[in-house]
Amino acid sequence: MAPLVDDMVVKGPAPRPTIDKVIQRFAVIRSSLTSWQLRSRVIKEDEFFPVLLRPFTHYFRRIRFFASYPCDSFLRNH
């Protein structure tokens, strides 16, 4: 994602990619990620201590959400 974002925030509009190119590049990036990765928390590169603790709270919330999701409607939609 960083190279795409960097290209999108270049000073001056001329070197920036068009929206069509951005959509194409984002689709490629998105298709290379798993469902788990897409729903994972974004972390800073220099984070250390929170990296050890926050995933547990994040995944606990995620599991609690899926546990409360109505099973029959989930099966119909997937």
Protein backbone atom coordinates (compact mmCIF):
# COMPACT_ATOMS: atom_id res chain seq x y z
CA MET A 1 0.00 0.00 0.00
CA ALA A 2 2.83 2.42 0.78
CA PRO A 3 4.01 2.77 -2.85
CA LEU A 4 0.43 3.41 -3.99
CA VAL A 5 -0.16 6.03 -1.30
CA ASP A 6 3.22 7.64 -2.03
CA ASP A 7 2.30 7.94 -5.73
CA MET A 8 -1.08 9.43 -4.84
CA VAL A 9 0.36 12.21 -2.66
CA VAL A 10 3.11 13.41 -4.99
CA LYS A 11 3.28 17.19 -5.14
CA GLY A 12 1.52 18.45 -8.23
CA PRO A 13 -1.26 16.56 -10.04
CA ALA A 14 0.62 15.67 -13.24
CA PRO A 15 2.71 12.75 -11.90
CA ARG A 16 -0.14 11.31 -9.81
CA PRO A 17 -1.89 8.19 -11.13
CA THR A 18 -5.40 8.51 -12.50
CA ILE A 19 -8.28 7.10 -10.46
CA ASP A 20 -8.53 4.19 -12.92
CA LYS A 21 -4.87 3.28 -12.32
CA VAL A 22 -5.35 3.62 -8.56
CA ILE A 23 -8.34 1.26 -8.67
CA GLN A 24 -6.38 -1.28 -10.73
CA ARG A 25 -3.38 -1.16 -8.41
CA PHE A 26 -5.56 -1.37 -5.31
CA ALA A 27 -7.39 -4.39 -6.74
CA VAL A 28 -4.05 -6.17 -7.25
CA ILE A 29 -2.97 -5.33 -3.69
CA ARG A 30 -6.31 -6.40 -2.23
CA SER A 31 -6.37 -9.70 -4.12
CA SER A 32 -2.96 -10.61 -2.71
CA LEU A 33 -4.22 -10.37 0.89
CA THR A 34 -6.21 -12.94 2.84
CA SER A 35 -9.47 -12.15 4.60
CA TRP A 36 -7.62 -12.32 7.92
CA GLN A 37 -4.98 -9.84 6.74
CA LEU A 38 -7.59 -7.42 5.44
CA ARG A 39 -9.30 -7.34 8.84
CA SER A 40 -6.11 -7.14 10.88
CA ARG A 41 -5.21 -4.06 12.84
CA VAL A 42 -2.79 -1.64 11.19
CA ILE A 43 0.33 -1.13 13.30
CA LYS A 44 3.24 1.27 13.20
CA GLU A 45 6.60 -0.14 12.17
CA ASP A 46 8.25 1.00 15.40
CA GLU A 47 5.54 -0.38 17.71
CA PHE A 48 6.82 -2.99 20.14
CA PHE A 49 4.90 -3.31 23.40
CA PRO A 50 1.42 -2.78 21.91
CA VAL A 51 2.27 -5.38 19.28
CA LEU A 52 2.46 -7.93 22.07
CA LEU A 53 -0.85 -6.99 23.70
CA ARG A 54 -3.17 -5.40 21.17
CA PRO A 55 -3.59 -8.40 18.87
CA PHE A 56 -5.19 -10.28 21.75
CA THR A 57 -7.80 -7.60 22.32
CA HIS A 58 -8.33 -7.19 18.58
CA TYR A 59 -8.86 -10.91 17.98
CA PHE A 60 -11.02 -11.23 21.10
CA ARG A 61 -13.33 -8.52 19.72
CA ARG A 62 -13.30 -10.19 16.32
CA ILE A 63 -14.18 -13.62 17.73
CA ARG A 64 -16.92 -12.06 19.88
CA PHE A 65 -18.35 -10.36 16.76
CA PHE A 66 -18.42 -13.60 14.77
CA ALA A 67 -19.90 -15.49 17.73
CA SER A 68 -22.77 -12.99 17.87
CA TYR A 69 -23.36 -13.06 14.10
CA PRO A 70 -26.61 -14.84 13.17
CA CYS A 71 -25.54 -18.18 11.78
CA ASP A 72 -28.42 -18.74 9.35
CA SER A 73 -28.01 -15.40 7.57
CA PHE A 74 -24.24 -15.91 7.45
CA LEU A 75 -24.68 -19.26 5.70
CA ARG A 76 -27.17 -17.81 3.21
CA ASN A 77 -24.79 -15.00 2.22
CA HIS A 78 -21.62 -17.10 1.96
